[in-house]
Amino acid sequence: MDNLEDAQYPMLEAILEIQQLPLQPMYTNRDVAKIFKVCVRAIQNWISAGRLTPRDLPGRWKFFPQDLEEFLRNSPRGRR
């Protein structure tokens, strides 16, 4: 996406653009782990801690882009 100011999910889309990943309508635990460059267990820990809320859809838990955008907005900024 060329102009992130017009993006529906600006924080998520910025990360996806850097990693050259497409915006998808739904994400699995593995997809989210890949986006955030963590292991699937970290995603499960974030869910258990209430930091990330999945949708209980048939088959497995899924995440919509708005779920990931909300997670990013509510996450504390780290120092690096």
PDB file of N, CA and C in Angstrom:
ATOM      1  N   MET A   1       0.855  -1.177   0.000  1.00  0.00           N
ATOM      2  CA  MET A   1       0.000   0.000   0.000  1.00  0.00           C
ATOM      3  C   MET A   1       0.895   1.232   0.000  1.00  0.00           C
ATOM      4  N   ASP A   2       0.653   2.126  -0.940  1.00  0.00           N
ATOM      5  CA  ASP A   2       1.501   3.293  -1.079  1.00  0.00           C
ATOM      6  C   ASP A   2       1.237   4.352  -0.020  1.00  0.00           C
ATOM      7  N   ASN A   3      -0.008   4.557   0.356  1.00  0.00           N
ATOM      8  CA  ASN A   3      -0.337   5.624   1.287  1.00  0.00           C
ATOM      9  C   ASN A   3      -0.991   5.037   2.532  1.00  0.00           C
ATOM     10  N   LEU A   4      -0.206   4.877   3.591  1.00  0.00           N
ATOM     11  CA  LEU A   4      -0.725   4.272   4.812  1.00  0.00           C
ATOM     12  C   LEU A   4      -1.664   5.196   5.569  1.00  0.00           C
ATOM     13  N   GLU A   5      -1.683   6.483   5.224  1.00  0.00           N
ATOM     14  CA  GLU A   5      -2.615   7.408   5.876  1.00  0.00           C
ATOM     15  C   GLU A   5      -4.059   7.038   5.553  1.00  0.00           C
ATOM     16  N   ASP A   6      -4.283   6.466   4.384  1.00  0.00           N
ATOM     17  CA  ASP A   6      -5.620   6.070   3.955  1.00  0.00           C
ATOM     18  C   ASP A   6      -5.926   4.612   4.285  1.00  0.00           C
ATOM     19  N   ALA A   7      -5.004   3.933   4.928  1.00  0.00           N
ATOM     20  CA  ALA A   7      -5.176   2.515   5.225  1.00  0.00           C
ATOM     21  C   ALA A   7      -6.249   2.313   6.289  1.00  0.00           C
ATOM     22  N   GLN A   8      -6.988   1.238   6.147  1.00  0.00           N
ATOM     23  CA  GLN A   8      -8.011   0.906   7.127  1.00  0.00           C
ATOM     24  C   GLN A   8      -7.366   0.422   8.430  1.00  0.00           C
ATOM     25  N   TYR A   9      -6.242  -0.271   8.298  1.00  0.00           N
ATOM     26  CA  TYR A   9      -5.509  -0.799   9.453  1.00  0.00           C
ATOM     27  C   TYR A   9      -4.056  -0.332   9.342  1.00  0.00           C
ATOM     28  N   PRO A  10      -3.788   0.933   9.622  1.00  0.00           N
ATOM     29  CA  PRO A  10      -2.476   1.510   9.323  1.00  0.00           C
ATOM     30  C   PRO A  10      -1.295   0.822  10.000  1.00  0.00           C
ATOM     31  N   MET A  11      -1.419   0.459  11.255  1.00  0.00           N
ATOM     32  CA  MET A  11      -0.287  -0.162  11.947  1.00  0.00           C
ATOM     33  C   MET A  11      -0.021  -1.562  11.395  1.00  0.00           C
ATOM     34  N   LEU A  12      -1.068  -2.346  11.241  1.00  0.00           N
ATOM     35  CA  LEU A  12      -0.924  -3.696  10.696  1.00  0.00           C
ATOM     36  C   LEU A  12      -0.403  -3.643   9.266  1.00  0.00           C
ATOM     37  N   GLU A  13      -0.967  -2.772   8.462  1.00  0.00           N
ATOM     38  CA  GLU A  13      -0.562  -2.689   7.061  1.00  0.00           C
ATOM     39  C   GLU A  13       0.880  -2.229   6.915  1.00  0.00           C
ATOM     40  N   ALA A  14       1.354  -1.394   7.822  1.00  0.00           N
ATOM     41  CA  ALA A  14       2.760  -0.976   7.780  1.00  0.00           C
ATOM     42  C   ALA A  14       3.674  -2.170   8.031  1.00  0.00           C
ATOM     43  N   ILE A  15       3.322  -2.992   9.007  1.00  0.00           N
ATOM     44  CA  ILE A  15       4.121  -4.189   9.298  1.00  0.00           C
ATOM     45  C   ILE A  15       4.085  -5.153   8.117  1.00  0.00           C
ATOM     46  N   LEU A  16       2.897  -5.371   7.569  1.00  0.00           N
ATOM     47  CA  LEU A  16       2.768  -6.284   6.437  1.00  0.00           C
ATOM     48  C   LEU A  16       3.561  -5.793   5.231  1.00  0.00           C
ATOM     49  N   GLU A  17       3.548  -4.491   5.001  1.00  0.00           N
ATOM     50  CA  GLU A  17       4.287  -3.928   3.866  1.00  0.00           C
ATOM     51  C   GLU A  17       5.783  -4.155   4.029  1.00  0.00           C
ATOM     52  N   ILE A  18       6.303  -3.930   5.220  1.00  0.00           N
ATOM     53  CA  ILE A  18       7.730  -4.144   5.484  1.00  0.00           C
ATOM     54  C   ILE A  18       8.109  -5.599   5.225  1.00  0.00           C
ATOM     55  N   GLN A  19       7.245  -6.510   5.636  1.00  0.00           N
ATOM     56  CA  GLN A  19       7.528  -7.937   5.493  1.00  0.00           C
ATOM     57  C   GLN A  19       7.080  -8.503   4.148  1.00  0.00           C
ATOM     58  N   GLN A  20       6.516  -7.654   3.311  1.00  0.00           N
ATOM     59  CA  GLN A  20       6.014  -8.038   1.994  1.00  0.00           C
ATOM     60  C   GLN A  20       4.990  -9.172   2.100  1.00  0.00           C
ATOM     61  N   LEU A  21       4.072  -9.013   3.047  1.00  0.00           N
ATOM     62  CA  LEU A  21       2.978  -9.960   3.244  1.00  0.00           C
ATOM     63  C   LEU A  21       1.666  -9.281   2.864  1.00  0.00           C
ATOM     64  N   PRO A  22       0.719 -10.032   2.319  1.00  0.00           N
ATOM     65  CA  PRO A  22      -0.565  -9.431   1.930  1.00  0.00           C
ATOM     66  C   PRO A  22      -1.505  -9.268   3.119  1.00  0.00           C
ATOM     67  N   LEU A  23      -2.372  -8.289   3.031  1.00  0.00           N
ATOM     68  CA  LEU A  23      -3.460  -8.145   3.996  1.00  0.00           C
ATOM     69  C   LEU A  23      -4.477  -9.233   3.671  1.00  0.00           C
ATOM     70  N   GLN A  24      -4.877  -9.993   4.674  1.00  0.00           N
ATOM     71  CA  GLN A  24      -5.817 -11.093   4.473  1.00  0.00           C
ATOM     72  C   GLN A  24      -7.092 -10.835   5.263  1.00  0.00           C
ATOM     73  N   PRO A  25      -8.195 -11.486   4.884  1.00  0.00           N
ATOM     74  CA  PRO A  25      -9.441 -11.297   5.635  1.00  0.00           C
ATOM     75  C   PRO A  25      -9.421 -11.979   6.999  1.00  0.00           C
ATOM     76  N   MET A  26      -8.590 -13.034   7.151  1.00  0.00           N
ATOM     77  CA  MET A  26      -8.488 -13.769   8.414  1.00  0.00           C
ATOM     78  C   MET A  26      -7.081 -14.317   8.568  1.00  0.00           C
ATOM     79  N   TYR A  27      -6.668 -14.472   9.826  1.00  0.00           N
ATOM     80  CA  TYR A  27      -5.337 -14.999  10.127  1.00  0.00           C
ATOM     81  C   TYR A  27      -5.437 -16.117  11.157  1.00  0.00           C
ATOM     82  N   THR A  28      -4.547 -17.110  11.040  1.00  0.00           N
ATOM     83  CA  THR A  28      -4.439 -18.185  12.024  1.00  0.00           C
ATOM     84  C   THR A  28      -3.372 -17.806  13.052  1.00  0.00           C
ATOM     85  N   ASN A  29      -3.232 -18.634  14.082  1.00  0.00           N
ATOM     86  CA  ASN A  29      -2.160 -18.420  15.063  1.00  0.00           C
ATOM     87  C   ASN A  29      -0.803 -18.373  14.370  1.00  0.00           C
ATOM     88  N   ARG A  30      -0.596 -19.283  13.425  1.00  0.00           N
ATOM     89  CA  ARG A  30       0.690 -19.319  12.698  1.00  0.00           C
ATOM     90  C   ARG A  30       0.915 -18.047  11.893  1.00  0.00           C
ATOM     91  N   ASP A  31      -0.131 -17.584  11.229  1.00  0.00           N
ATOM     92  CA  ASP A  31      -0.015 -16.341  10.458  1.00  0.00           C
ATOM     93  C   ASP A  31       0.389 -15.180  11.362  1.00  0.00           C
ATOM     94  N   VAL A  32      -0.274 -15.083  12.513  1.00  0.00           N
ATOM     95  CA  VAL A  32      -0.002 -13.986  13.445  1.00  0.00           C
ATOM     96  C   VAL A  32       1.414 -14.100  13.996  1.00  0.00           C
ATOM     97  N   ALA A  33       1.842 -15.321  14.286  1.00  0.00           N
ATOM     98  CA  ALA A  33       3.210 -15.528  14.765  1.00  0.00           C
ATOM     99  C   ALA A  33       4.217 -15.062  13.710  1.00  0.00           C
ATOM    100  N   LYS A  34       3.936 -15.348  12.454  1.00  0.00           N
ATOM    101  CA  LYS A  34       4.829 -14.920  11.369  1.00  0.00           C
ATOM    102  C   LYS A  34       4.860 -13.394  11.256  1.00  0.00           C
ATOM    103  N   ILE A  35       3.709 -12.770  11.352  1.00  0.00           N
ATOM    104  CA  ILE A  35       3.630 -11.309  11.253  1.00  0.00           C
ATOM    105  C   ILE A  35       4.454 -10.645  12.351  1.00  0.00           C
ATOM    106  N   PHE A  36       4.317 -11.137  13.582  1.00  0.00           N
ATOM    107  CA  PHE A  36       4.993 -10.514  14.722  1.00  0.00           C
ATOM    108  C   PHE A  36       6.359 -11.121  15.026  1.00  0.00           C
ATOM    109  N   LYS A  37       6.769 -12.091  14.196  1.00  0.00           N
ATOM    110  CA  LYS A  37       8.084 -12.728  14.327  1.00  0.00           C
ATOM    111  C   LYS A  37       8.291 -13.313  15.723  1.00  0.00           C
ATOM    112  N   VAL A  38       7.302 -14.081  16.154  1.00  0.00           N
ATOM    113  CA  VAL A  38       7.372 -14.802  17.424  1.00  0.00           C
ATOM    114  C   VAL A  38       6.912 -16.236  17.160  1.00  0.00           C
ATOM    115  N   CYS A  39       7.064 -17.095  18.164  1.00  0.00           N
ATOM    116  CA  CYS A  39       6.597 -18.472  18.016  1.00  0.00           C
ATOM    117  C   CYS A  39       5.097 -18.541  18.301  1.00  0.00           C
ATOM    118  N   VAL A  40       4.483 -19.621  17.864  1.00  0.00           N
ATOM    119  CA  VAL A  40       3.049 -19.815  18.078  1.00  0.00           C
ATOM    120  C   VAL A  40       2.738 -19.832  19.573  1.00  0.00           C
ATOM    121  N   ARG A  41       3.644 -20.362  20.376  1.00  0.00           N
ATOM    122  CA  ARG A  41       3.436 -20.397  21.830  1.00  0.00           C
ATOM    123  C   ARG A  41       3.287 -18.977  22.387  1.00  0.00           C
ATOM    124  N   ALA A  42       4.025 -18.023  21.856  1.00  0.00           N
ATOM    125  CA  ALA A  42       3.898 -16.628  22.305  1.00  0.00           C
ATOM    126  C   ALA A  42       2.492 -16.108  22.014  1.00  0.00           C
ATOM    127  N   ILE A  43       1.949 -16.463  20.862  1.00  0.00           N
ATOM    128  CA  ILE A  43       0.585 -16.051  20.521  1.00  0.00           C
ATOM    129  C   ILE A  43      -0.392 -16.664  21.514  1.00  0.00           C
ATOM    130  N   GLN A  44      -0.210 -17.935  21.823  1.00  0.00           N
ATOM    131  CA  GLN A  44      -1.070 -18.608  22.798  1.00  0.00           C
ATOM    132  C   GLN A  44      -0.960 -17.946  24.171  1.00  0.00           C
ATOM    133  N   ASN A  45       0.237 -17.536  24.545  1.00  0.00           N
ATOM    134  CA  ASN A  45       0.427 -16.835  25.823  1.00  0.00           C
ATOM    135  C   ASN A  45      -0.287 -15.488  25.820  1.00  0.00           C
ATOM    136  N   TRP A  46      -0.217 -14.765  24.709  1.00  0.00           N
ATOM    137  CA  TRP A  46      -0.897 -13.472  24.612  1.00  0.00           C
ATOM    138  C   TRP A  46      -2.410 -13.660  24.729  1.00  0.00           C
ATOM    139  N   ILE A  47      -2.920 -14.751  24.138  1.00  0.00           N
ATOM    140  CA  ILE A  47      -4.356 -15.051  24.240  1.00  0.00           C
ATOM    141  C   ILE A  47      -4.712 -15.356  25.689  1.00  0.00           C
ATOM    142  N   SER A  48      -3.927 -16.213  26.337  1.00  0.00           N
ATOM    143  CA  SER A  48      -4.184 -16.586  27.742  1.00  0.00           C
ATOM    144  C   SER A  48      -4.141 -15.378  28.666  1.00  0.00           C
ATOM    145  N   ALA A  49      -3.249 -14.442  28.367  1.00  0.00           N
ATOM    146  CA  ALA A  49      -3.100 -13.238  29.189  1.00  0.00           C
ATOM    147  C   ALA A  49      -4.160 -12.182  28.872  1.00  0.00           C
ATOM    148  N   GLY A  50      -4.966 -12.420  27.841  1.00  0.00           N
ATOM    149  CA  GLY A  50      -6.001 -11.461  27.470  1.00  0.00           C
ATOM    150  C   GLY A  50      -5.495 -10.303  26.638  1.00  0.00           C
ATOM    151  N   ARG A  51      -4.266 -10.388  26.162  1.00  0.00           N
ATOM    152  CA  ARG A  51      -3.696  -9.303  25.353  1.00  0.00           C
ATOM    153  C   ARG A  51      -4.177  -9.350  23.907  1.00  0.00           C
ATOM    154  N   LEU A  52      -4.513 -10.548  23.436  1.00  0.00           N
ATOM    155  CA  LEU A  52      -4.943 -10.756  22.057  1.00  0.00           C
ATOM    156  C   LEU A  52      -6.190 -11.635  22.100  1.00  0.00           C
ATOM    157  N   THR A  53      -7.247 -11.198  21.434  1.00  0.00           N
ATOM    158  CA  THR A  53      -8.516 -11.921  21.495  1.00  0.00           C
ATOM    159  C   THR A  53      -8.841 -12.545  20.142  1.00  0.00           C
ATOM    160  N   PRO A  54      -8.899 -13.878  20.091  1.00  0.00           N
ATOM    161  CA  PRO A  54      -9.250 -14.547  18.838  1.00  0.00           C
ATOM    162  C   PRO A  54     -10.759 -14.639  18.655  1.00  0.00           C
ATOM    163  N   ARG A  55     -11.170 -14.941  17.441  1.00  0.00           N
ATOM    164  CA  ARG A  55     -12.576 -15.219  17.139  1.00  0.00           C
ATOM    165  C   ARG A  55     -12.732 -16.735  17.158  1.00  0.00           C
ATOM    166  N   ASP A  56     -13.746 -17.211  17.820  1.00  0.00           N
ATOM    167  CA  ASP A  56     -13.995 -18.648  17.902  1.00  0.00           C
ATOM    168  C   ASP A  56     -14.838 -19.069  16.708  1.00  0.00           C
ATOM    169  N   LEU A  57     -14.165 -19.369  15.611  1.00  0.00           N
ATOM    170  CA  LEU A  57     -14.836 -19.762  14.375  1.00  0.00           C
ATOM    171  C   LEU A  57     -14.696 -21.270  14.182  1.00  0.00           C
ATOM    172  N   PRO A  58     -15.539 -21.870  13.361  1.00  0.00           N
ATOM    173  CA  PRO A  58     -15.435 -23.316  13.141  1.00  0.00           C
ATOM    174  C   PRO A  58     -14.025 -23.719  12.710  1.00  0.00           C
ATOM    175  N   GLY A  59     -13.544 -24.753  13.314  1.00  0.00           N
ATOM    176  CA  GLY A  59     -12.208 -25.248  12.978  1.00  0.00           C
ATOM    177  C   GLY A  59     -11.182 -24.846  14.005  1.00  0.00           C
ATOM    178  N   ARG A  60     -10.854 -23.591  14.051  1.00  0.00           N
ATOM    179  CA  ARG A  60      -9.853 -23.068  14.982  1.00  0.00           C
ATOM    180  C   ARG A  60     -10.109 -21.600  15.227  1.00  0.00           C
ATOM    181  N   TRP A  61      -9.366 -21.094  16.189  1.00  0.00           N
ATOM    182  CA  TRP A  61      -9.438 -19.656  16.435  1.00  0.00           C
ATOM    183  C   TRP A  61      -8.845 -18.911  15.249  1.00  0.00           C
ATOM    184  N   LYS A  62      -9.452 -17.798  14.925  1.00  0.00           N
ATOM    185  CA  LYS A  62      -8.974 -16.939  13.837  1.00  0.00           C
ATOM    186  C   LYS A  62      -8.926 -15.502  14.332  1.00  0.00           C
ATOM    187  N   PHE A  63      -8.185 -14.697  13.609  1.00  0.00           N
ATOM    188  CA  PHE A  63      -8.063 -13.277  13.918  1.00  0.00           C
ATOM    189  C   PHE A  63      -8.412 -12.491  12.665  1.00  0.00           C
ATOM    190  N   PHE A  64      -9.197 -11.438  12.839  1.00  0.00           N
ATOM    191  CA  PHE A  64      -9.481 -10.522  11.749  1.00  0.00           C
ATOM    192  C   PHE A  64      -8.454  -9.392  11.810  1.00  0.00           C
ATOM    193  N   PRO A  65      -8.247  -8.690  10.692  1.00  0.00           N
ATOM    194  CA  PRO A  65      -7.292  -7.578  10.715  1.00  0.00           C
ATOM    195  C   PRO A  65      -7.580  -6.568  11.830  1.00  0.00           C
ATOM    196  N   GLN A  66      -8.860  -6.292  12.100  1.00  0.00           N
ATOM    197  CA  GLN A  66      -9.177  -5.324  13.149  1.00  0.00           C
ATOM    198  C   GLN A  66      -8.744  -5.824  14.529  1.00  0.00           C
ATOM    199  N   ASP A  67      -8.707  -7.152  14.732  1.00  0.00           N
ATOM    200  CA  ASP A  67      -8.227  -7.704  16.001  1.00  0.00           C
ATOM    201  C   ASP A  67      -6.738  -7.418  16.179  1.00  0.00           C
ATOM    202  N   LEU A  68      -5.986  -7.576  15.097  1.00  0.00           N
ATOM    203  CA  LEU A  68      -4.543  -7.337  15.160  1.00  0.00           C
ATOM    204  C   LEU A  68      -4.238  -5.847  15.285  1.00  0.00           C
ATOM    205  N   GLU A  69      -5.026  -5.026  14.600  1.00  0.00           N
ATOM    206  CA  GLU A  69      -4.843  -3.571  14.713  1.00  0.00           C
ATOM    207  C   GLU A  69      -5.117  -3.123  16.148  1.00  0.00           C
ATOM    208  N   GLU A  70      -6.162  -3.656  16.759  1.00  0.00           N
ATOM    209  CA  GLU A  70      -6.483  -3.313  18.149  1.00  0.00           C
ATOM    210  C   GLU A  70      -5.363  -3.763  19.087  1.00  0.00           C
ATOM    211  N   PHE A  71      -4.830  -4.953  18.850  1.00  0.00           N
ATOM    212  CA  PHE A  71      -3.707  -5.449  19.644  1.00  0.00           C
ATOM    213  C   PHE A  71      -2.523  -4.490  19.544  1.00  0.00           C
ATOM    214  N   LEU A  72      -2.216  -4.054  18.335  1.00  0.00           N
ATOM    215  CA  LEU A  72      -1.096  -3.128  18.135  1.00  0.00           C
ATOM    216  C   LEU A  72      -1.343  -1.793  18.832  1.00  0.00           C
ATOM    217  N   ARG A  73      -2.535  -1.280  18.742  1.00  0.00           N
ATOM    218  CA  ARG A  73      -2.860   0.005  19.380  1.00  0.00           C
ATOM    219  C   ARG A  73      -2.767  -0.071  20.900  1.00  0.00           C
ATOM    220  N   ASN A  74      -3.108  -1.229  21.461  1.00  0.00           N
ATOM    221  CA  ASN A  74      -3.116  -1.387  22.914  1.00  0.00           C
ATOM    222  C   ASN A  74      -1.811  -1.912  23.488  1.00  0.00           C
ATOM    223  N   SER A  75      -0.868  -2.264  22.629  1.00  0.00           N
ATOM    224  CA  SER A  75       0.408  -2.799  23.103  1.00  0.00           C
ATOM    225  C   SER A  75       1.317  -1.667  23.560  1.00  0.00           C
ATOM    226  N   PRO A  76       2.016  -1.872  24.678  1.00  0.00           N
ATOM    227  CA  PRO A  76       2.957  -0.841  25.117  1.00  0.00           C
ATOM    228  C   PRO A  76       4.121  -0.747  24.141  1.00  0.00           C
ATOM    229  N   ARG A  77       4.635   0.442  24.001  1.00  0.00           N
ATOM    230  CA  ARG A  77       5.790   0.636  23.121  1.00  0.00           C
ATOM    231  C   ARG A  77       7.036   0.122  23.817  1.00  0.00           C
ATOM    232  N   GLY A  78       7.805  -0.658  23.093  1.00  0.00           N
ATOM    233  CA  GLY A  78       9.055  -1.183  23.642  1.00  0.00           C
ATOM    234  C   GLY A  78      10.208  -0.242  23.358  1.00  0.00           C
ATOM    235  N   ARG A  79      11.251  -0.411  24.123  1.00  0.00           N
ATOM    236  CA  ARG A  79      12.462   0.386  23.875  1.00  0.00           C
ATOM    237  C   ARG A  79      13.493  -0.521  23.253  1.00  0.00           C
ATOM    238  N   ARG A  80      14.087  -0.081  22.151  1.00  0.00           N
ATOM    239  CA  ARG A  80      15.135  -0.862  21.485  1.00  0.00           C
ATOM    240  C   ARG A  80      16.262   0.028  21.110  1.00  0.00           C
TER     241      ARG A  80
END
